[in-house]
PDB file of N, CA and C in Angstrom:
ATOM      1  N   MET A   1      -5.105  -3.025  18.240  1.00  0.00           N
ATOM      2  CA  MET A   1      -6.172  -2.098  18.153  1.00  0.00           C
ATOM      3  C   MET A   1      -6.581  -1.493  19.550  1.00  0.00           C
ATOM      4  N   VAL A   2      -6.336  -0.347  19.942  1.00  0.00           N
ATOM      5  CA  VAL A   2      -6.720   0.172  21.194  1.00  0.00           C
ATOM      6  C   VAL A   2      -7.969   1.408  20.752  1.00  0.00           C
ATOM      7  N   GLU A   3      -8.891   0.911  21.863  1.00  0.00           N
ATOM      8  CA  GLU A   3     -10.281   1.773  21.155  1.00  0.00           C
ATOM      9  C   GLU A   3     -10.810   1.481  22.644  1.00  0.00           C
ATOM     10  N   ASP A   4     -11.529   2.445  23.110  1.00  0.00           N
ATOM     11  CA  ASP A   4     -12.782   2.358  24.536  1.00  0.00           C
ATOM     12  C   ASP A   4     -13.996   2.317  24.153  1.00  0.00           C
ATOM     13  N   GLU A   5     -14.103   1.997  22.874  1.00  0.00           N
ATOM     14  CA  GLU A   5     -15.403   2.057  22.366  1.00  0.00           C
ATOM     15  C   GLU A   5     -15.777   0.688  21.943  1.00  0.00           C
ATOM     16  N   VAL A   6     -16.224  -0.598  22.878  1.00  0.00           N
ATOM     17  CA  VAL A   6     -16.449  -1.616  22.275  1.00  0.00           C
ATOM     18  C   VAL A   6     -16.608  -2.029  21.140  1.00  0.00           C
ATOM     19  N   LEU A   7     -17.532  -1.568  20.883  1.00  0.00           N
ATOM     20  CA  LEU A   7     -18.563  -1.702  19.594  1.00  0.00           C
ATOM     21  C   LEU A   7     -17.504  -1.818  18.134  1.00  0.00           C
ATOM     22  N   ILE A   8     -16.586  -0.448  18.138  1.00  0.00           N
ATOM     23  CA  ILE A   8     -15.719  -0.002  17.249  1.00  0.00           C
ATOM     24  C   ILE A   8     -14.684  -0.731  17.074  1.00  0.00           C
ATOM     25  N   ARG A   9     -14.444  -1.401  18.588  1.00  0.00           N
ATOM     26  CA  ARG A   9     -13.073  -2.229  18.733  1.00  0.00           C
ATOM     27  C   ARG A   9     -13.252  -3.528  18.114  1.00  0.00           C
ATOM     28  N   LEU A  10     -14.554  -4.064  18.497  1.00  0.00           N
ATOM     29  CA  LEU A  10     -14.996  -5.387  17.875  1.00  0.00           C
ATOM     30  C   LEU A  10     -15.102  -5.443  16.504  1.00  0.00           C
ATOM     31  N   MET A  11     -15.705  -4.245  15.966  1.00  0.00           N
ATOM     32  CA  MET A  11     -15.990  -4.317  14.693  1.00  0.00           C
ATOM     33  C   MET A  11     -14.900  -4.132  13.400  1.00  0.00           C
ATOM     34  N   VAL A  12     -13.863  -3.478  13.779  1.00  0.00           N
ATOM     35  CA  VAL A  12     -12.255  -3.277  13.232  1.00  0.00           C
ATOM     36  C   VAL A  12     -11.783  -4.799  13.590  1.00  0.00           C
ATOM     37  N   THR A  13     -11.529  -5.038  14.889  1.00  0.00           N
ATOM     38  CA  THR A  13     -10.876  -6.544  14.946  1.00  0.00           C
ATOM     39  C   THR A  13     -11.555  -7.532  14.351  1.00  0.00           C
ATOM     40  N   GLU A  14     -12.615  -7.895  14.142  1.00  0.00           N
ATOM     41  CA  GLU A  14     -13.176  -8.610  13.335  1.00  0.00           C
ATOM     42  C   GLU A  14     -12.777  -8.587  11.966  1.00  0.00           C
ATOM     43  N   GLU A  15     -13.070  -7.745  11.074  1.00  0.00           N
ATOM     44  CA  GLU A  15     -12.896  -7.418   9.979  1.00  0.00           C
ATOM     45  C   GLU A  15     -11.310  -7.388   9.644  1.00  0.00           C
ATOM     46  N   LEU A  16     -10.330  -6.796  10.287  1.00  0.00           N
ATOM     47  CA  LEU A  16      -8.950  -6.995  10.018  1.00  0.00           C
ATOM     48  C   LEU A  16      -8.811  -8.536  10.279  1.00  0.00           C
ATOM     49  N   SER A  17      -9.483  -9.706  11.385  1.00  0.00           N
ATOM     50  CA  SER A  17      -9.041 -10.912  11.177  1.00  0.00           C
ATOM     51  C   SER A  17      -9.397 -11.760  10.426  1.00  0.00           C
ATOM     52  N   PHE A  18     -10.552 -11.185   9.760  1.00  0.00           N
ATOM     53  CA  PHE A  18     -11.274 -12.090   8.609  1.00  0.00           C
ATOM     54  C   PHE A  18     -10.628 -11.706   7.387  1.00  0.00           C
ATOM     55  N   GLU A  19      -9.734 -10.685   7.325  1.00  0.00           N
ATOM     56  CA  GLU A  19      -8.910 -10.522   6.324  1.00  0.00           C
ATOM     57  C   GLU A  19      -7.462 -10.980   6.390  1.00  0.00           C
ATOM     58  N   GLY A  20      -7.429 -11.835   7.327  1.00  0.00           N
ATOM     59  CA  GLY A  20      -6.130 -12.441   7.949  1.00  0.00           C
ATOM     60  C   GLY A  20      -4.954 -11.701   8.528  1.00  0.00           C
ATOM     61  N   PHE A  21      -5.508 -10.458   9.334  1.00  0.00           N
ATOM     62  CA  PHE A  21      -4.444  -9.834  10.067  1.00  0.00           C
ATOM     63  C   PHE A  21      -4.459 -10.674  11.463  1.00  0.00           C
ATOM     64  N   ASP A  22      -3.726 -10.944  12.313  1.00  0.00           N
ATOM     65  CA  ASP A  22      -3.509 -11.198  13.330  1.00  0.00           C
ATOM     66  C   ASP A  22      -3.731  -9.830  14.661  1.00  0.00           C
ATOM     67  N   CYS A  23      -5.132  -9.950  15.019  1.00  0.00           N
ATOM     68  CA  CYS A  23      -5.344  -8.688  15.789  1.00  0.00           C
ATOM     69  C   CYS A  23      -5.094  -9.043  17.170  1.00  0.00           C
ATOM     70  N   HIS A  24      -4.539  -7.802  18.218  1.00  0.00           N
ATOM     71  CA  HIS A  24      -4.502  -7.767  19.308  1.00  0.00           C
ATOM     72  C   HIS A  24      -5.181  -6.508  19.943  1.00  0.00           C
ATOM     73  N   GLU A  25      -6.049  -6.498  20.734  1.00  0.00           N
ATOM     74  CA  GLU A  25      -7.020  -5.566  21.229  1.00  0.00           C
ATOM     75  C   GLU A  25      -6.736  -5.264  22.912  1.00  0.00           C
ATOM     76  N   ALA A  26      -6.690  -3.689  22.882  1.00  0.00           N
ATOM     77  CA  ALA A  26      -6.907  -3.155  24.416  1.00  0.00           C
ATOM     78  C   ALA A  26      -8.078  -2.374  24.639  1.00  0.00           C
ATOM     79  N   ALA A  27      -8.317  -2.079  25.695  1.00  0.00           N
ATOM     80  CA  ALA A  27      -9.488  -0.838  25.853  1.00  0.00           C
ATOM     81  C   ALA A  27      -8.835   0.096  26.249  1.00  0.00           C
ATOM     82  N   ASN A  28      -8.033   0.677  26.857  1.00  0.00           N
ATOM     83  CA  ASN A  28      -7.533   1.615  27.044  1.00  0.00           C
ATOM     84  C   ASN A  28      -5.833   1.865  27.094  1.00  0.00           C
ATOM     85  N   GLY A  29      -5.274   2.846  26.940  1.00  0.00           N
ATOM     86  CA  GLY A  29      -3.739   3.209  27.101  1.00  0.00           C
ATOM     87  C   GLY A  29      -3.139   1.910  28.161  1.00  0.00           C
ATOM     88  N   GLU A  30      -3.464   2.007  29.002  1.00  0.00           N
ATOM     89  CA  GLU A  30      -2.863   1.463  30.399  1.00  0.00           C
ATOM     90  C   GLU A  30      -2.860  -0.328  29.669  1.00  0.00           C
ATOM     91  N   GLU A  31      -4.002  -0.925  29.172  1.00  0.00           N
ATOM     92  CA  GLU A  31      -3.685  -2.081  28.487  1.00  0.00           C
ATOM     93  C   GLU A  31      -3.424  -2.214  27.501  1.00  0.00           C
ATOM     94  N   ALA A  32      -3.150  -1.087  26.733  1.00  0.00           N
ATOM     95  CA  ALA A  32      -2.064  -1.242  25.371  1.00  0.00           C
ATOM     96  C   ALA A  32      -0.829  -1.186  25.451  1.00  0.00           C
ATOM     97  N   ILE A  33       0.046  -0.806  26.774  1.00  0.00           N
ATOM     98  CA  ILE A  33       1.001  -0.472  26.803  1.00  0.00           C
ATOM     99  C   ILE A  33       1.793  -2.067  27.347  1.00  0.00           C
ATOM    100  N   ALA A  34       0.551  -2.489  28.385  1.00  0.00           N
ATOM    101  CA  ALA A  34       0.918  -4.008  28.777  1.00  0.00           C
ATOM    102  C   ALA A  34       0.973  -4.919  27.845  1.00  0.00           C
ATOM    103  N   LEU A  35       0.335  -4.845  26.850  1.00  0.00           N
ATOM    104  CA  LEU A  35       0.218  -5.594  25.832  1.00  0.00           C
ATOM    105  C   LEU A  35       1.348  -5.575  24.933  1.00  0.00           C
ATOM    106  N   ILE A  36       1.659  -4.333  24.744  1.00  0.00           N
ATOM    107  CA  ILE A  36       2.765  -4.025  24.239  1.00  0.00           C
ATOM    108  C   ILE A  36       4.225  -4.599  24.713  1.00  0.00           C
ATOM    109  N   ASP A  37       4.195  -4.393  25.935  1.00  0.00           N
ATOM    110  CA  ASP A  37       5.459  -4.674  26.505  1.00  0.00           C
ATOM    111  C   ASP A  37       5.545  -6.485  27.006  1.00  0.00           C
ATOM    112  N   ALA A  38       4.587  -6.785  26.522  1.00  0.00           N
ATOM    113  CA  ALA A  38       4.014  -8.516  27.227  1.00  0.00           C
ATOM    114  C   ALA A  38       4.436  -9.134  25.994  1.00  0.00           C
ATOM    115  N   ALA A  39       4.270  -8.805  24.681  1.00  0.00           N
ATOM    116  CA  ALA A  39       4.086  -9.531  23.544  1.00  0.00           C
ATOM    117  C   ALA A  39       5.674  -9.866  22.824  1.00  0.00           C
ATOM    118  N   PRO A  40       5.721 -11.334  22.832  1.00  0.00           N
ATOM    119  CA  PRO A  40       6.866 -11.840  22.555  1.00  0.00           C
ATOM    120  C   PRO A  40       7.232 -11.388  20.781  1.00  0.00           C
ATOM    121  N   GLU A  41       6.283 -11.339  20.030  1.00  0.00           N
ATOM    122  CA  GLU A  41       6.301 -11.032  18.498  1.00  0.00           C
ATOM    123  C   GLU A  41       6.916  -9.019  18.319  1.00  0.00           C
ATOM    124  N   ARG A  42       6.945  -8.715  17.440  1.00  0.00           N
ATOM    125  CA  ARG A  42       7.014  -7.862  16.916  1.00  0.00           C
ATOM    126  C   ARG A  42       5.748  -7.487  15.924  1.00  0.00           C
ATOM    127  N   PHE A  43       4.944  -6.082  16.510  1.00  0.00           N
ATOM    128  CA  PHE A  43       3.558  -5.721  16.074  1.00  0.00           C
ATOM    129  C   PHE A  43       4.334  -5.147  14.757  1.00  0.00           C
ATOM    130  N   ALA A  44       3.384  -5.153  13.372  1.00  0.00           N
ATOM    131  CA  ALA A  44       3.499  -4.802  12.560  1.00  0.00           C
ATOM    132  C   ALA A  44       3.198  -3.422  12.030  1.00  0.00           C
ATOM    133  N   VAL A  45       2.008  -2.764  13.191  1.00  0.00           N
ATOM    134  CA  VAL A  45       1.179  -1.888  13.020  1.00  0.00           C
ATOM    135  C   VAL A  45       0.592  -1.345  14.136  1.00  0.00           C
ATOM    136  N   LEU A  46       0.117  -0.222  14.615  1.00  0.00           N
ATOM    137  CA  LEU A  46      -0.937   0.133  15.822  1.00  0.00           C
ATOM    138  C   LEU A  46      -1.456   1.074  15.399  1.00  0.00           C
ATOM    139  N   VAL A  47      -2.991   0.680  15.638  1.00  0.00           N
ATOM    140  CA  VAL A  47      -4.236   1.568  15.647  1.00  0.00           C
ATOM    141  C   VAL A  47      -4.610   1.863  16.733  1.00  0.00           C
ATOM    142  N   THR A  48      -4.815   3.178  17.196  1.00  0.00           N
ATOM    143  CA  THR A  48      -5.266   3.630  18.460  1.00  0.00           C
ATOM    144  C   THR A  48      -5.627   4.732  18.436  1.00  0.00           C
ATOM    145  N   ASP A  49      -7.148   4.783  19.145  1.00  0.00           N
ATOM    146  CA  ASP A  49      -7.545   5.837  19.551  1.00  0.00           C
ATOM    147  C   ASP A  49      -6.855   6.827  19.921  1.00  0.00           C
ATOM    148  N   PHE A  50      -7.169   8.425  20.126  1.00  0.00           N
ATOM    149  CA  PHE A  50      -6.605   9.274  20.788  1.00  0.00           C
ATOM    150  C   PHE A  50      -7.313   9.380  22.094  1.00  0.00           C
ATOM    151  N   HIS A  51      -8.570  10.106  22.063  1.00  0.00           N
ATOM    152  CA  HIS A  51      -9.225  10.224  23.468  1.00  0.00           C
ATOM    153  C   HIS A  51      -9.418   8.682  24.019  1.00  0.00           C
ATOM    154  N   MET A  52      -9.131   8.458  25.392  1.00  0.00           N
ATOM    155  CA  MET A  52      -9.364   7.282  25.911  1.00  0.00           C
ATOM    156  C   MET A  52      -9.162   7.354  27.264  1.00  0.00           C
ATOM    157  N   PRO A  53     -10.502   6.966  28.574  1.00  0.00           N
ATOM    158  CA  PRO A  53     -10.324   6.915  29.478  1.00  0.00           C
ATOM    159  C   PRO A  53      -8.927   6.734  30.104  1.00  0.00           C
ATOM    160  N   GLY A  54      -8.915   6.960  31.533  1.00  0.00           N
ATOM    161  CA  GLY A  54      -7.340   6.368  32.089  1.00  0.00           C
ATOM    162  C   GLY A  54      -6.337   7.740  31.696  1.00  0.00           C
ATOM    163  N   SER A  55      -5.295   7.232  32.384  1.00  0.00           N
ATOM    164  CA  SER A  55      -4.040   7.998  32.485  1.00  0.00           C
ATOM    165  C   SER A  55      -2.815   8.569  31.412  1.00  0.00           C
ATOM    166  N   ARG A  56      -3.469   7.219  30.303  1.00  0.00           N
ATOM    167  CA  ARG A  56      -2.717   7.300  29.102  1.00  0.00           C
ATOM    168  C   ARG A  56      -3.479   7.541  27.825  1.00  0.00           C
ATOM    169  N   ASP A  57      -3.210   8.613  27.056  1.00  0.00           N
ATOM    170  CA  ASP A  57      -3.996   8.728  25.630  1.00  0.00           C
ATOM    171  C   ASP A  57      -3.155   8.215  24.576  1.00  0.00           C
ATOM    172  N   GLY A  58      -3.984   8.140  23.401  1.00  0.00           N
ATOM    173  CA  GLY A  58      -3.514   7.356  22.317  1.00  0.00           C
ATOM    174  C   GLY A  58      -1.856   7.789  21.886  1.00  0.00           C
ATOM    175  N   VAL A  59      -1.454   8.873  22.325  1.00  0.00           N
ATOM    176  CA  VAL A  59      -0.352   9.815  21.703  1.00  0.00           C
ATOM    177  C   VAL A  59       0.768   8.871  22.630  1.00  0.00           C
ATOM    178  N   GLU A  60       0.318   8.812  23.908  1.00  0.00           N
ATOM    179  CA  GLU A  60       1.299   7.857  24.703  1.00  0.00           C
ATOM    180  C   GLU A  60       1.391   6.704  23.986  1.00  0.00           C
ATOM    181  N   VAL A  61       0.622   6.178  24.241  1.00  0.00           N
ATOM    182  CA  VAL A  61       0.540   4.644  23.304  1.00  0.00           C
ATOM    183  C   VAL A  61       1.655   4.485  22.422  1.00  0.00           C
ATOM    184  N   ALA A  62       1.163   5.479  21.176  1.00  0.00           N
ATOM    185  CA  ALA A  62       1.962   5.621  19.981  1.00  0.00           C
ATOM    186  C   ALA A  62       3.313   5.810  20.541  1.00  0.00           C
ATOM    187  N   ARG A  63       4.037   6.545  21.065  1.00  0.00           N
ATOM    188  CA  ARG A  63       5.165   6.950  21.533  1.00  0.00           C
ATOM    189  C   ARG A  63       5.939   5.861  22.076  1.00  0.00           C
ATOM    190  N   HIS A  64       5.454   5.194  23.094  1.00  0.00           N
ATOM    191  CA  HIS A  64       5.559   3.776  23.717  1.00  0.00           C
ATOM    192  C   HIS A  64       5.955   2.530  22.656  1.00  0.00           C
ATOM    193  N   PHE A  65       5.032   2.278  21.802  1.00  0.00           N
ATOM    194  CA  PHE A  65       5.075   1.690  20.607  1.00  0.00           C
ATOM    195  C   PHE A  65       5.887   2.036  19.628  1.00  0.00           C
ATOM    196  N   ARG A  66       6.498   2.856  19.030  1.00  0.00           N
ATOM    197  CA  ARG A  66       7.651   3.647  18.478  1.00  0.00           C
ATOM    198  C   ARG A  66       8.817   3.482  19.349  1.00  0.00           C
ATOM    199  N   ALA A  67       8.890   3.614  20.530  1.00  0.00           N
ATOM    200  CA  ALA A  67      10.150   3.193  21.186  1.00  0.00           C
ATOM    201  C   ALA A  67      10.518   1.554  21.294  1.00  0.00           C
ATOM    202  N   ARG A  68       9.628   0.726  20.968  1.00  0.00           N
ATOM    203  CA  ARG A  68       9.627  -0.643  21.027  1.00  0.00           C
ATOM    204  C   ARG A  68       9.904  -1.292  19.702  1.00  0.00           C
ATOM    205  N   HIS A  69       9.053  -0.287  18.717  1.00  0.00           N
ATOM    206  CA  HIS A  69       8.953  -0.852  17.245  1.00  0.00           C
ATOM    207  C   HIS A  69       9.347   0.168  16.664  1.00  0.00           C
ATOM    208  N   PRO A  70      10.826   0.606  16.270  1.00  0.00           N
ATOM    209  CA  PRO A  70      10.932   1.648  15.403  1.00  0.00           C
ATOM    210  C   PRO A  70      10.546   1.399  14.054  1.00  0.00           C
ATOM    211  N   GLY A  71      10.151   2.037  13.547  1.00  0.00           N
ATOM    212  CA  GLY A  71       9.675   2.305  12.035  1.00  0.00           C
ATOM    213  C   GLY A  71       8.626   1.564  11.856  1.00  0.00           C
ATOM    214  N   ALA A  72       7.670   0.889  12.655  1.00  0.00           N
ATOM    215  CA  ALA A  72       6.325   0.274  12.293  1.00  0.00           C
ATOM    216  C   ALA A  72       5.458   1.649  12.440  1.00  0.00           C
ATOM    217  N   PRO A  73       4.662   1.501  11.745  1.00  0.00           N
ATOM    218  CA  PRO A  73       3.468   2.739  11.295  1.00  0.00           C
ATOM    219  C   PRO A  73       2.325   2.567  12.350  1.00  0.00           C
ATOM    220  N   VAL A  74       2.165   3.630  12.678  1.00  0.00           N
ATOM    221  CA  VAL A  74       1.258   4.202  13.768  1.00  0.00           C
ATOM    222  C   VAL A  74      -0.138   4.786  13.019  1.00  0.00           C
ATOM    223  N   ILE A  75      -1.296   4.617  12.994  1.00  0.00           N
ATOM    224  CA  ILE A  75      -2.811   5.132  12.829  1.00  0.00           C
ATOM    225  C   ILE A  75      -3.387   5.546  13.950  1.00  0.00           C
ATOM    226  N   ILE A  76      -3.512   6.782  13.940  1.00  0.00           N
ATOM    227  CA  ILE A  76      -4.420   7.308  15.046  1.00  0.00           C
ATOM    228  C   ILE A  76      -5.569   7.751  14.998  1.00  0.00           C
ATOM    229  N   ILE A  77      -6.929   7.312  15.491  1.00  0.00           N
ATOM    230  CA  ILE A  77      -7.859   7.754  15.208  1.00  0.00           C
ATOM    231  C   ILE A  77      -8.963   8.629  16.363  1.00  0.00           C
ATOM    232  N   THR A  78      -9.445   9.585  15.663  1.00  0.00           N
ATOM    233  CA  THR A  78      -9.942  10.542  16.563  1.00  0.00           C
ATOM    234  C   THR A  78     -11.067  11.225  16.083  1.00  0.00           C
ATOM    235  N   GLY A  79     -12.268  11.339  16.898  1.00  0.00           N
ATOM    236  CA  GLY A  79     -13.106  12.338  16.734  1.00  0.00           C
ATOM    237  C   GLY A  79     -13.291  13.726  16.881  1.00  0.00           C
ATOM    238  N   ARG A  80     -12.007  13.880  17.072  1.00  0.00           N
ATOM    239  CA  ARG A  80     -11.358  15.371  17.601  1.00  0.00           C
ATOM    240  C   ARG A  80     -10.182  15.845  17.035  1.00  0.00           C
ATOM    241  N   PRO A  81      -9.971  15.899  15.665  1.00  0.00           N
ATOM    242  CA  PRO A  81      -8.744  16.192  14.889  1.00  0.00           C
ATOM    243  C   PRO A  81      -8.078  17.663  15.770  1.00  0.00           C
ATOM    244  N   ASP A  82      -9.015  18.516  15.868  1.00  0.00           N
ATOM    245  CA  ASP A  82      -8.540  19.623  16.296  1.00  0.00           C
ATOM    246  C   ASP A  82      -8.083  19.713  17.927  1.00  0.00           C
ATOM    247  N   ALA A  83      -8.131  18.923  18.342  1.00  0.00           N
ATOM    248  CA  ALA A  83      -7.925  18.703  19.733  1.00  0.00           C
ATOM    249  C   ALA A  83      -6.183  17.755  19.454  1.00  0.00           C
ATOM    250  N   LEU A  84      -6.638  16.813  18.734  1.00  0.00           N
ATOM    251  CA  LEU A  84      -4.904  16.121  18.537  1.00  0.00           C
ATOM    252  C   LEU A  84      -4.118  17.239  18.038  1.00  0.00           C
ATOM    253  N   ALA A  85      -4.205  17.691  16.813  1.00  0.00           N
ATOM    254  CA  ALA A  85      -3.467  18.563  16.264  1.00  0.00           C
ATOM    255  C   ALA A  85      -3.067  19.724  17.641  1.00  0.00           C
ATOM    256  N   GLU A  86      -3.815  20.323  18.144  1.00  0.00           N
ATOM    257  CA  GLU A  86      -3.599  21.111  19.125  1.00  0.00           C
ATOM    258  C   GLU A  86      -2.488  20.844  20.251  1.00  0.00           C
ATOM    259  N   ARG A  87      -2.427  19.662  20.896  1.00  0.00           N
ATOM    260  CA  ARG A  87      -1.817  19.212  22.073  1.00  0.00           C
ATOM    261  C   ARG A  87      -0.570  18.353  21.155  1.00  0.00           C
ATOM    262  N   TYR A  88      -0.742  17.686  19.929  1.00  0.00           N
ATOM    263  CA  TYR A  88       0.597  16.964  19.383  1.00  0.00           C
ATOM    264  C   TYR A  88       0.700  16.886  18.250  1.00  0.00           C
ATOM    265  N   SER A  89       1.005  18.576  17.625  1.00  0.00           N
ATOM    266  CA  SER A  89       1.503  18.612  16.440  1.00  0.00           C
ATOM    267  C   SER A  89       2.811  18.408  15.885  1.00  0.00           C
ATOM    268  N   VAL A  90       3.737  18.055  16.875  1.00  0.00           N
ATOM    269  CA  VAL A  90       4.910  17.523  16.385  1.00  0.00           C
ATOM    270  C   VAL A  90       5.189  15.922  16.316  1.00  0.00           C
ATOM    271  N   PHE A  91       4.161  15.347  16.907  1.00  0.00           N
ATOM    272  CA  PHE A  91       4.310  13.727  17.000  1.00  0.00           C
ATOM    273  C   PHE A  91       4.180  13.195  15.489  1.00  0.00           C
ATOM    274  N   PRO A  92       5.008  12.514  14.732  1.00  0.00           N
ATOM    275  CA  PRO A  92       4.672  11.907  13.507  1.00  0.00           C
ATOM    276  C   PRO A  92       3.764  10.626  13.428  1.00  0.00           C
ATOM    277  N   PHE A  93       2.456  11.007  13.034  1.00  0.00           N
ATOM    278  CA  PHE A  93       1.816   9.985  12.884  1.00  0.00           C
ATOM    279  C   PHE A  93       1.886   9.573  11.422  1.00  0.00           C
ATOM    280  N   ASP A  94       1.721   8.395  11.145  1.00  0.00           N
ATOM    281  CA  ASP A  94       1.615   8.089   9.860  1.00  0.00           C
ATOM    282  C   ASP A  94      -0.001   8.447   9.132  1.00  0.00           C
ATOM    283  N   ILE A  95      -0.831   7.898   9.944  1.00  0.00           N
ATOM    284  CA  ILE A  95      -2.153   8.441   9.330  1.00  0.00           C
ATOM    285  C   ILE A  95      -3.159   8.956  10.610  1.00  0.00           C
ATOM    286  N   VAL A  96      -4.016   9.811  10.283  1.00  0.00           N
ATOM    287  CA  VAL A  96      -4.893   9.979  11.187  1.00  0.00           C
ATOM    288  C   VAL A  96      -5.822   9.992  10.393  1.00  0.00           C
ATOM    289  N   MET A  97      -6.713   9.174  11.270  1.00  0.00           N
ATOM    290  CA  MET A  97      -8.020   8.858  10.548  1.00  0.00           C
ATOM    291  C   MET A  97      -9.103   9.538  11.239  1.00  0.00           C
ATOM    292  N   HIS A  98     -10.368  10.012  10.756  1.00  0.00           N
ATOM    293  CA  HIS A  98     -11.443  10.763  11.371  1.00  0.00           C
ATOM    294  C   HIS A  98     -12.627  10.186  11.361  1.00  0.00           C
ATOM    295  N   LYS A  99     -13.258   9.964  12.693  1.00  0.00           N
ATOM    296  CA  LYS A  99     -14.334   8.916  13.141  1.00  0.00           C
ATOM    297  C   LYS A  99     -15.350   9.879  12.429  1.00  0.00           C
ATOM    298  N   PRO A 100     -16.540   9.092  12.101  1.00  0.00           N
ATOM    299  CA  PRO A 100     -16.564   8.189  11.815  1.00  0.00           C
ATOM    300  C   PRO A 100     -15.823   7.556  10.605  1.00  0.00           C
ATOM    301  N   PHE A 101     -15.291   6.511  10.658  1.00  0.00           N
ATOM    302  CA  PHE A 101     -14.790   5.733   9.581  1.00  0.00           C
ATOM    303  C   PHE A 101     -15.205   4.058   9.153  1.00  0.00           C
ATOM    304  N   THR A 102     -15.041   3.642   7.967  1.00  0.00           N
ATOM    305  CA  THR A 102     -15.268   2.402   7.952  1.00  0.00           C
ATOM    306  C   THR A 102     -14.208   1.322   8.432  1.00  0.00           C
ATOM    307  N   PRO A 103     -14.560   0.141   8.150  1.00  0.00           N
ATOM    308  CA  PRO A 103     -13.291  -0.888   8.572  1.00  0.00           C
ATOM    309  C   PRO A 103     -12.704  -1.080   7.301  1.00  0.00           C
ATOM    310  N   SER A 104     -13.388  -0.745   6.225  1.00  0.00           N
ATOM    311  CA  SER A 104     -12.813  -0.940   4.641  1.00  0.00           C
ATOM    312  C   SER A 104     -11.733  -0.182   4.639  1.00  0.00           C
ATOM    313  N   GLN A 105     -12.035   1.280   5.023  1.00  0.00           N
ATOM    314  CA  GLN A 105     -11.064   2.648   4.979  1.00  0.00           C
ATOM    315  C   GLN A 105      -9.691   2.037   5.851  1.00  0.00           C
ATOM    316  N   LEU A 106      -9.834   1.549   6.977  1.00  0.00           N
ATOM    317  CA  LEU A 106      -8.944   1.680   7.480  1.00  0.00           C
ATOM    318  C   LEU A 106      -8.241   0.126   7.121  1.00  0.00           C
ATOM    319  N   LEU A 107      -8.701  -0.499   6.640  1.00  0.00           N
ATOM    320  CA  LEU A 107      -8.118  -1.628   6.334  1.00  0.00           C
ATOM    321  C   LEU A 107      -6.944  -1.183   4.802  1.00  0.00           C
ATOM    322  N   ALA A 108      -7.620  -0.339   3.928  1.00  0.00           N
ATOM    323  CA  ALA A 108      -6.981   0.122   2.801  1.00  0.00           C
ATOM    324  C   ALA A 108      -5.841   0.984   3.361  1.00  0.00           C
ATOM    325  N   SER A 109      -5.876   1.589   4.265  1.00  0.00           N
ATOM    326  CA  SER A 109      -4.661   2.296   5.026  1.00  0.00           C
ATOM    327  C   SER A 109      -3.949   1.415   5.489  1.00  0.00           C
ATOM    328  N   ILE A 110      -4.029   0.413   5.949  1.00  0.00           N
ATOM    329  CA  ILE A 110      -3.046  -0.400   6.704  1.00  0.00           C
ATOM    330  C   ILE A 110      -2.295  -1.356   5.754  1.00  0.00           C
ATOM    331  N   ARG A 111      -2.828  -1.430   4.581  1.00  0.00           N
ATOM    332  CA  ARG A 111      -2.432  -2.361   3.360  1.00  0.00           C
ATOM    333  C   ARG A 111      -1.385  -1.431   2.798  1.00  0.00           C
ATOM    334  N   ARG A 112      -1.926   0.134   2.641  1.00  0.00           N
ATOM    335  CA  ARG A 112      -0.810   0.900   2.253  1.00  0.00           C
ATOM    336  C   ARG A 112       0.195   1.328   2.902  1.00  0.00           C
ATOM    337  N   LEU A 113       0.290   1.112   4.133  1.00  0.00           N
ATOM    338  CA  LEU A 113       1.238   1.397   5.005  1.00  0.00           C
ATOM    339  C   LEU A 113       2.355   0.141   4.897  1.00  0.00           C
ATOM    340  N   LEU A 114       1.733  -0.828   5.103  1.00  0.00           N
ATOM    341  CA  LEU A 114       2.450  -2.182   5.044  1.00  0.00           C
ATOM    342  C   LEU A 114       2.832  -2.571   3.405  1.00  0.00           C
ATOM    343  N   GLY A 115       2.459  -2.172   2.532  1.00  0.00           N
ATOM    344  CA  GLY A 115       3.126  -2.642   0.985  1.00  0.00           C
ATOM    345  C   GLY A 115       2.120  -3.972   0.902  1.00  0.00           C
ATOM    346  N   CYS A 116       1.044  -4.010   1.490  1.00  0.00           N
ATOM    347  CA  CYS A 116       0.763  -5.488   1.047  1.00  0.00           C
ATOM    348  C   CYS A 116      -0.637  -5.438   0.658  1.00  0.00           C
ATOM    349  N   GLY A 117      -0.821  -6.315  -0.478  1.00  0.00           N
ATOM    350  CA  GLY A 117      -2.487  -6.448  -0.905  1.00  0.00           C
ATOM    351  C   GLY A 117      -2.636  -5.182  -1.863  1.00  0.00           C
ATOM    352  N   ASP A 118      -3.656  -4.966  -2.670  1.00  0.00           N
ATOM    353  CA  ASP A 118      -4.064  -3.577  -3.572  1.00  0.00           C
ATOM    354  C   ASP A 118      -4.857  -2.703  -2.428  1.00  0.00           C
ATOM    355  N   ALA A 119      -4.620  -1.591  -1.806  1.00  0.00           N
ATOM    356  CA  ALA A 119      -4.783  -0.482  -1.138  1.00  0.00           C
ATOM    357  C   ALA A 119      -6.053   0.260  -1.675  1.00  0.00           C
ATOM    358  N   ASP A 120      -6.186   0.179  -3.033  1.00  0.00           N
ATOM    359  CA  ASP A 120      -7.071   0.703  -3.645  1.00  0.00           C
ATOM    360  C   ASP A 120      -7.889   0.034  -4.475  1.00  0.00           C
ATOM    361  N   LYS A 121      -8.153  -1.297  -4.090  1.00  0.00           N
ATOM    362  CA  LYS A 121      -9.134  -1.861  -4.649  1.00  0.00           C
ATOM    363  C   LYS A 121     -10.602  -1.786  -3.770  1.00  0.00           C
ATOM    364  N   PRO A 122     -11.634  -1.925  -4.681  1.00  0.00           N
ATOM    365  CA  PRO A 122     -12.820  -1.757  -3.542  1.00  0.00           C
ATOM    366  C   PRO A 122     -13.110  -2.670  -2.422  1.00  0.00           C
ATOM    367  N   GLN A 123     -13.363  -2.314  -1.206  1.00  0.00           N
ATOM    368  CA  GLN A 123     -14.039  -3.475  -0.054  1.00  0.00           C
ATOM    369  C   GLN A 123     -15.111  -3.780  -0.361  1.00  0.00           C
ATOM    370  N   PRO A 124     -15.653  -5.100  -0.100  1.00  0.00           N
ATOM    371  CA  PRO A 124     -17.006  -5.385   0.168  1.00  0.00           C
ATOM    372  C   PRO A 124     -17.264  -5.058   1.184  1.00  0.00           C
TER     373      PRO A 124
END
């Protein structure tokens, strides 16, 4: 989970951890790329914000992730879908989620992408 807004990052990682997912978190693109490079295990999915402070945005993180984890799904979250489409119309995201979203919406999307659990069941 790559998100510069602390409360969003904590809320999402807490919910995903509660649902049994092993979560790693980064506050910006640089931290995310370092985490991706240092992890001994294969990541199942990347969730990243589009706009973040620093020199690397969510698309650059997604490209780096895909180079190291081919075939793993990518979810990009943004409050500015117009800016994302304008700058990166050719990058294939599996899902683009618009802010605001709920953790249960994100969880359902992850389950659907990974083919695990019942993605359509109501979330608490």
